[in-house]
Amino acid sequence: VASGLVASLARPGGNITGTAFGVGGEGFAGKWVQLLREAVPRISHVAALMNSANPSSTTAVKEIQAAAIILKLKLDLLDARNDATLDKTFSAISASGAQAIIVTGDPFFSVNTARLVQFAASKRLPAMYYSEPFVIAGGLMSYGGSINDSWRRAGRYVDKILKGAKPGDLPVEQPTKFELVINMKTAKMLG
């Protein structure tokens, strides 16, 4: 809705529908901060990476800010949208004294999974990511809607559309299954 792809989740209109898995915040971003703090109680300073060119980052940023205030965490919001700004973000995190990282949902970050995970590992920073592939690549933890469950539910929509349903009449489905994924090897390495 924020990006203008659909008019509303209940009635997307046009020729589009599907399933979402909550990568843009929508209640997840505040939980990312909370879970990261629960996993690493000693942290007091967190750096959050976002892409301000992505309309959904606004929701995530507001939720992260609210959670940081409640948990009394110093928060650095860092904007990265291309390779050059990502390199500057890495330098800023290194210089800031941040003790942990949160990577918000964005396709640019998905493309740079290996770089993001490698950076966190090189600095020995616990990191919370928005989806499981980061944890599979060696990141510490992720929390969000199940991507696999979203794909399964999308398959049902394909069936409905092939049987004549209009995509714009099918609501965009929200996550129904949530996953907290922790890489135990990385957790042990971080102590």
C-alpha atoms as a PDB file:
ATOM      1  CA  VAL A   1       0.000   0.000   0.000  1.00  0.00           C
ATOM      2  CA  ALA A   2       2.774   2.455   0.947  1.00  0.00           C
ATOM      3  CA  SER A   3       4.535   1.898  -2.376  1.00  0.00           C
ATOM      4  CA  GLY A   4       1.311   2.363  -4.343  1.00  0.00           C
ATOM      5  CA  LEU A   5       1.266  -1.160  -5.789  1.00  0.00           C
ATOM      6  CA  VAL A   6      -2.198  -1.833  -4.368  1.00  0.00           C
ATOM      7  CA  ALA A   7      -5.081   0.384  -3.257  1.00  0.00           C
ATOM      8  CA  SER A   8      -5.607  -1.609  -0.054  1.00  0.00           C
ATOM      9  CA  LEU A   9      -4.749  -5.037   1.277  1.00  0.00           C
ATOM     10  CA  ALA A  10      -8.394  -6.106   1.345  1.00  0.00           C
ATOM     11  CA  ARG A  11      -9.185  -4.853  -2.189  1.00  0.00           C
ATOM     12  CA  PRO A  12      -5.939  -4.433  -4.123  1.00  0.00           C
ATOM     13  CA  GLY A  13      -7.714  -3.537  -7.374  1.00  0.00           C
ATOM     14  CA  GLY A  14      -6.116  -3.584 -10.789  1.00  0.00           C
ATOM     15  CA  ASN A  15      -4.367  -6.750 -11.855  1.00  0.00           C
ATOM     16  CA  ILE A  16      -2.299  -7.499  -8.752  1.00  0.00           C
ATOM     17  CA  THR A  17      -2.566  -9.510  -5.542  1.00  0.00           C
ATOM     18  CA  GLY A  18      -0.406 -11.908  -3.590  1.00  0.00           C
ATOM     19  CA  THR A  19       1.044 -12.701  -0.224  1.00  0.00           C
ATOM     20  CA  ALA A  20       3.265 -10.551   1.953  1.00  0.00           C
ATOM     21  CA  PHE A  21       5.787 -11.666   4.510  1.00  0.00           C
ATOM     22  CA  GLY A  22       6.271  -8.449   6.420  1.00  0.00           C
ATOM     23  CA  VAL A  23       9.731  -7.392   5.293  1.00  0.00           C
ATOM     24  CA  GLY A  24       8.889  -3.703   5.487  1.00  0.00           C
ATOM     25  CA  GLY A  25       8.083  -3.423   9.149  1.00  0.00           C
ATOM     26  CA  GLU A  26       4.352  -3.656   9.830  1.00  0.00           C
ATOM     27  CA  GLY A  27       4.928  -4.777  13.411  1.00  0.00           C
ATOM     28  CA  PHE A  28       8.144  -6.660  12.786  1.00  0.00           C
ATOM     29  CA  ALA A  29      10.687  -3.887  13.186  1.00  0.00           C
ATOM     30  CA  GLY A  30       9.952  -3.205  16.839  1.00  0.00           C
ATOM     31  CA  LYS A  31      10.151  -6.910  17.521  1.00  0.00           C
ATOM     32  CA  TRP A  32      13.583  -7.040  15.812  1.00  0.00           C
ATOM     33  CA  VAL A  33      14.919  -4.575  18.388  1.00  0.00           C
ATOM     34  CA  GLN A  34      13.305  -6.422  21.279  1.00  0.00           C
ATOM     35  CA  LEU A  35      14.572  -9.852  20.215  1.00  0.00           C
ATOM     36  CA  LEU A  36      18.084  -8.565  19.558  1.00  0.00           C
ATOM     37  CA  ARG A  37      18.160  -7.005  23.042  1.00  0.00           C
ATOM     38  CA  GLU A  38      16.849 -10.225  24.610  1.00  0.00           C
ATOM     39  CA  ALA A  39      19.513 -12.249  22.812  1.00  0.00           C
ATOM     40  CA  VAL A  40      22.300  -9.824  23.737  1.00  0.00           C
ATOM     41  CA  PRO A  41      21.241  -7.980  26.925  1.00  0.00           C
ATOM     42  CA  ARG A  42      24.529  -6.037  27.199  1.00  0.00           C
ATOM     43  CA  ILE A  43      23.936  -3.941  24.073  1.00  0.00           C
ATOM     44  CA  SER A  44      23.192  -0.253  24.521  1.00  0.00           C
ATOM     45  CA  HIS A  45      23.946   1.070  21.007  1.00  0.00           C
ATOM     46  CA  VAL A  46      22.414  -0.284  17.790  1.00  0.00           C
ATOM     47  CA  ALA A  47      22.903   0.670  14.143  1.00  0.00           C
ATOM     48  CA  ALA A  48      19.904   0.104  11.854  1.00  0.00           C
ATOM     49  CA  LEU A  49      20.358  -0.062   8.088  1.00  0.00           C
ATOM     50  CA  MET A  50      17.521   1.147   5.907  1.00  0.00           C
ATOM     51  CA  ASN A  51      16.924   2.291   2.342  1.00  0.00           C
ATOM     52  CA  SER A  52      15.103   5.632   2.375  1.00  0.00           C
ATOM     53  CA  ALA A  53      14.203   5.147  -1.302  1.00  0.00           C
ATOM     54  CA  ASN A  54      11.939   2.257  -0.239  1.00  0.00           C
ATOM     55  CA  PRO A  55       8.556   3.601   0.984  1.00  0.00           C
ATOM     56  CA  SER A  56       8.138   0.708   3.420  1.00  0.00           C
ATOM     57  CA  SER A  57      11.273   1.766   5.299  1.00  0.00           C
ATOM     58  CA  THR A  58       9.309   4.620   6.899  1.00  0.00           C
ATOM     59  CA  THR A  59       7.177   2.189   8.895  1.00  0.00           C
ATOM     60  CA  ALA A  60      10.168   0.098   9.917  1.00  0.00           C
ATOM     61  CA  VAL A  61      12.147   3.146  11.025  1.00  0.00           C
ATOM     62  CA  LYS A  62       9.291   4.453  13.189  1.00  0.00           C
ATOM     63  CA  GLU A  63       8.916   1.071  14.870  1.00  0.00           C
ATOM     64  CA  ILE A  64      12.665   0.709  15.447  1.00  0.00           C
ATOM     65  CA  GLN A  65      12.846   4.222  16.918  1.00  0.00           C
ATOM     66  CA  ALA A  66       9.918   3.566  19.258  1.00  0.00           C
ATOM     67  CA  ALA A  67      11.393   0.267  20.462  1.00  0.00           C
ATOM     68  CA  ALA A  68      14.837   1.831  20.968  1.00  0.00           C
ATOM     69  CA  ILE A  69      13.305   4.545  23.159  1.00  0.00           C
ATOM     70  CA  ILE A  70      11.419   2.002  25.268  1.00  0.00           C
ATOM     71  CA  LEU A  71      14.542  -0.161  25.660  1.00  0.00           C
ATOM     72  CA  LYS A  72      16.775   2.892  26.263  1.00  0.00           C
ATOM     73  CA  LEU A  73      19.083   2.088  23.351  1.00  0.00           C
ATOM     74  CA  LYS A  74      21.158   4.597  21.434  1.00  0.00           C
ATOM     75  CA  LEU A  75      20.137   4.227  17.790  1.00  0.00           C
ATOM     76  CA  ASP A  76      21.982   5.155  14.613  1.00  0.00           C
ATOM     77  CA  LEU A  77      19.808   5.099  11.487  1.00  0.00           C
ATOM     78  CA  LEU A  78      21.956   4.594   8.414  1.00  0.00           C
ATOM     79  CA  ASP A  79      20.721   4.946   4.855  1.00  0.00           C
ATOM     80  CA  ALA A  80      22.141   2.590   2.229  1.00  0.00           C
ATOM     81  CA  ARG A  81      20.722   2.243  -1.265  1.00  0.00           C
ATOM     82  CA  ASN A  82      23.716   1.369  -3.454  1.00  0.00           C
ATOM     83  CA  ASP A  83      27.233  -0.019  -3.149  1.00  0.00           C
ATOM     84  CA  ALA A  84      28.842   3.370  -2.453  1.00  0.00           C
ATOM     85  CA  THR A  85      26.435   4.242   0.365  1.00  0.00           C
ATOM     86  CA  LEU A  86      26.728   0.729   1.798  1.00  0.00           C
ATOM     87  CA  ASP A  87      30.506   1.154   2.035  1.00  0.00           C
ATOM     88  CA  LYS A  88      29.989   4.513   3.803  1.00  0.00           C
ATOM     89  CA  THR A  89      27.498   2.842   6.141  1.00  0.00           C
ATOM     90  CA  PHE A  90      30.050   0.170   7.051  1.00  0.00           C
ATOM     91  CA  SER A  91      32.593   2.895   7.844  1.00  0.00           C
ATOM     92  CA  ALA A  92      30.043   4.787   9.948  1.00  0.00           C
ATOM     93  CA  ILE A  93      29.167   1.676  11.958  1.00  0.00           C
ATOM     94  CA  SER A  94      32.840   0.929  12.547  1.00  0.00           C
ATOM     95  CA  ALA A  95      33.461   4.472  13.795  1.00  0.00           C
ATOM     96  CA  SER A  96      30.267   4.791  15.869  1.00  0.00           C
ATOM     97  CA  GLY A  97      30.831   2.159  18.508  1.00  0.00           C
ATOM     98  CA  ALA A  98      27.546   0.423  17.701  1.00  0.00           C
ATOM     99  CA  GLN A  99      27.321  -2.934  19.448  1.00  0.00           C
ATOM    100  CA  ALA A 100      24.744  -4.564  17.155  1.00  0.00           C
ATOM    101  CA  ILE A 101      23.126  -4.184  13.739  1.00  0.00           C
ATOM    102  CA  ILE A 102      19.559  -4.410  12.458  1.00  0.00           C
ATOM    103  CA  VAL A 103      19.090  -4.832   8.707  1.00  0.00           C
ATOM    104  CA  THR A 104      15.611  -3.771   7.590  1.00  0.00           C
ATOM    105  CA  GLY A 105      13.772  -5.332   4.673  1.00  0.00           C
ATOM    106  CA  ASP A 106      14.856  -4.196   1.232  1.00  0.00           C
ATOM    107  CA  PRO A 107      15.743  -5.896  -2.067  1.00  0.00           C
ATOM    108  CA  PHE A 108      19.106  -4.087  -2.089  1.00  0.00           C
ATOM    109  CA  PHE A 109      19.997  -5.755   1.207  1.00  0.00           C
ATOM    110  CA  SER A 110      18.894  -9.148  -0.113  1.00  0.00           C
ATOM    111  CA  VAL A 111      21.267  -8.768  -3.055  1.00  0.00           C
ATOM    112  CA  ASN A 112      24.045  -7.903  -0.588  1.00  0.00           C
ATOM    113  CA  THR A 113      23.394 -10.689   1.928  1.00  0.00           C
ATOM    114  CA  ALA A 114      26.969 -11.986   1.838  1.00  0.00           C
ATOM    115  CA  ARG A 115      28.516  -8.516   2.288  1.00  0.00           C
ATOM    116  CA  LEU A 116      26.224  -7.653   5.186  1.00  0.00           C
ATOM    117  CA  VAL A 117      26.806 -10.941   6.995  1.00  0.00           C
ATOM    118  CA  GLN A 118      30.573 -10.785   6.357  1.00  0.00           C
ATOM    119  CA  PHE A 119      30.762  -7.226   7.709  1.00  0.00           C
ATOM    120  CA  ALA A 120      28.911  -8.138  10.917  1.00  0.00           C
ATOM    121  CA  ALA A 121      31.143 -11.180  11.395  1.00  0.00           C
ATOM    122  CA  SER A 122      34.338  -9.200  10.772  1.00  0.00           C
ATOM    123  CA  LYS A 123      33.344  -6.708  13.480  1.00  0.00           C
ATOM    124  CA  ARG A 124      31.926  -9.418  15.770  1.00  0.00           C
ATOM    125  CA  LEU A 125      28.590  -7.604  15.854  1.00  0.00           C
ATOM    126  CA  PRO A 126      25.379  -9.478  16.601  1.00  0.00           C
ATOM    127  CA  ALA A 127      22.892  -8.737  13.836  1.00  0.00           C
ATOM    128  CA  MET A 128      19.151  -9.086  13.356  1.00  0.00           C
ATOM    129  CA  TYR A 129      17.936  -9.570   9.798  1.00  0.00           C
ATOM    130  CA  TYR A 130      14.480  -9.530   8.278  1.00  0.00           C
ATOM    131  CA  SER A 131      14.625 -12.959   6.651  1.00  0.00           C
ATOM    132  CA  GLU A 132      16.095 -16.425   7.028  1.00  0.00           C
ATOM    133  CA  PRO A 133      18.540 -16.369   4.055  1.00  0.00           C
ATOM    134  CA  PHE A 134      20.792 -14.023   6.058  1.00  0.00           C
ATOM    135  CA  VAL A 135      20.967 -16.576   8.887  1.00  0.00           C
ATOM    136  CA  ILE A 136      21.651 -19.398   6.452  1.00  0.00           C
ATOM    137  CA  ALA A 137      24.539 -17.261   5.104  1.00  0.00           C
ATOM    138  CA  GLY A 138      25.986 -16.996   8.633  1.00  0.00           C
ATOM    139  CA  GLY A 139      24.093 -14.089  10.203  1.00  0.00           C
ATOM    140  CA  LEU A 140      23.029 -14.349  13.833  1.00  0.00           C
ATOM    141  CA  MET A 141      19.233 -14.161  13.712  1.00  0.00           C
ATOM    142  CA  SER A 142      16.120 -13.228  11.786  1.00  0.00           C
ATOM    143  CA  TYR A 143      12.461 -12.766  12.584  1.00  0.00           C
ATOM    144  CA  GLY A 144       9.530 -12.408  10.241  1.00  0.00           C
ATOM    145  CA  GLY A 145       6.828 -14.085   8.283  1.00  0.00           C
ATOM    146  CA  SER A 146       7.731 -17.441   6.775  1.00  0.00           C
ATOM    147  CA  ILE A 147       8.822 -16.985   3.173  1.00  0.00           C
ATOM    148  CA  ASN A 148       8.144 -20.665   2.445  1.00  0.00           C
ATOM    149  CA  ASP A 149       4.607 -20.366   3.823  1.00  0.00           C
ATOM    150  CA  SER A 150       4.033 -17.255   1.693  1.00  0.00           C
ATOM    151  CA  TRP A 151       5.136 -19.157  -1.430  1.00  0.00           C
ATOM    152  CA  ARG A 152       2.755 -22.031  -0.611  1.00  0.00           C
ATOM    153  CA  ARG A 153      -0.156 -19.646  -0.152  1.00  0.00           C
ATOM    154  CA  ALA A 154       0.769 -17.838  -3.383  1.00  0.00           C
ATOM    155  CA  GLY A 155       0.409 -21.189  -5.173  1.00  0.00           C
ATOM    156  CA  ARG A 156      -3.234 -21.305  -4.055  1.00  0.00           C
ATOM    157  CA  TYR A 157      -3.752 -17.868  -5.568  1.00  0.00           C
ATOM    158  CA  VAL A 158      -2.316 -19.053  -8.880  1.00  0.00           C
ATOM    159  CA  ASP A 159      -4.885 -21.852  -8.846  1.00  0.00           C
ATOM    160  CA  LYS A 160      -7.746 -19.398  -8.154  1.00  0.00           C
ATOM    161  CA  ILE A 161      -6.608 -17.017 -10.899  1.00  0.00           C
ATOM    162  CA  LEU A 162      -6.247 -19.838 -13.430  1.00  0.00           C
ATOM    163  CA  LYS A 163      -9.813 -20.801 -12.563  1.00  0.00           C
ATOM    164  CA  GLY A 164     -11.038 -17.291 -13.409  1.00  0.00           C
ATOM    165  CA  ALA A 165     -10.726 -15.176 -10.255  1.00  0.00           C
ATOM    166  CA  LYS A 166      -9.649 -11.583 -10.837  1.00  0.00           C
ATOM    167  CA  PRO A 167      -6.384 -10.784  -9.014  1.00  0.00           C
ATOM    168  CA  GLY A 168      -7.629  -7.366  -7.895  1.00  0.00           C
ATOM    169  CA  ASP A 169     -10.558  -9.024  -6.100  1.00  0.00           C
ATOM    170  CA  LEU A 170      -8.316 -11.327  -4.025  1.00  0.00           C
ATOM    171  CA  PRO A 171      -6.977  -9.692  -0.837  1.00  0.00           C
ATOM    172  CA  VAL A 172      -3.242  -9.456  -0.318  1.00  0.00           C
ATOM    173  CA  GLU A 173      -2.657 -12.055   2.384  1.00  0.00           C
ATOM    174  CA  GLN A 174      -0.630 -11.168   5.449  1.00  0.00           C
ATOM    175  CA  PRO A 175       1.697 -13.606   7.210  1.00  0.00           C
ATOM    176  CA  THR A 176       0.118 -16.340   9.294  1.00  0.00           C
ATOM    177  CA  LYS A 177       3.299 -18.196  10.228  1.00  0.00           C
ATOM    178  CA  PHE A 178       6.252 -16.443  11.859  1.00  0.00           C
ATOM    179  CA  GLU A 179       9.799 -17.658  12.303  1.00  0.00           C
ATOM    180  CA  LEU A 180      12.607 -16.733  14.648  1.00  0.00           C
ATOM    181  CA  VAL A 181      15.747 -18.286  13.191  1.00  0.00           C
ATOM    182  CA  ILE A 182      19.062 -18.350  15.069  1.00  0.00           C
ATOM    183  CA  ASN A 183      22.400 -19.528  13.711  1.00  0.00           C
ATOM    184  CA  MET A 184      23.888 -21.391  16.676  1.00  0.00           C
ATOM    185  CA  LYS A 185      27.369 -21.499  15.142  1.00  0.00           C
ATOM    186  CA  THR A 186      27.369 -17.703  14.880  1.00  0.00           C
ATOM    187  CA  ALA A 187      25.873 -17.354  18.368  1.00  0.00           C
ATOM    188  CA  LYS A 188      28.687 -19.445  19.837  1.00  0.00           C
ATOM    189  CA  MET A 189      31.303 -17.484  17.867  1.00  0.00           C
ATOM    190  CA  LEU A 190      29.898 -14.228  19.310  1.00  0.00           C
ATOM    191  CA  GLY A 191      29.787 -15.677  22.819  1.00  0.00           C
END
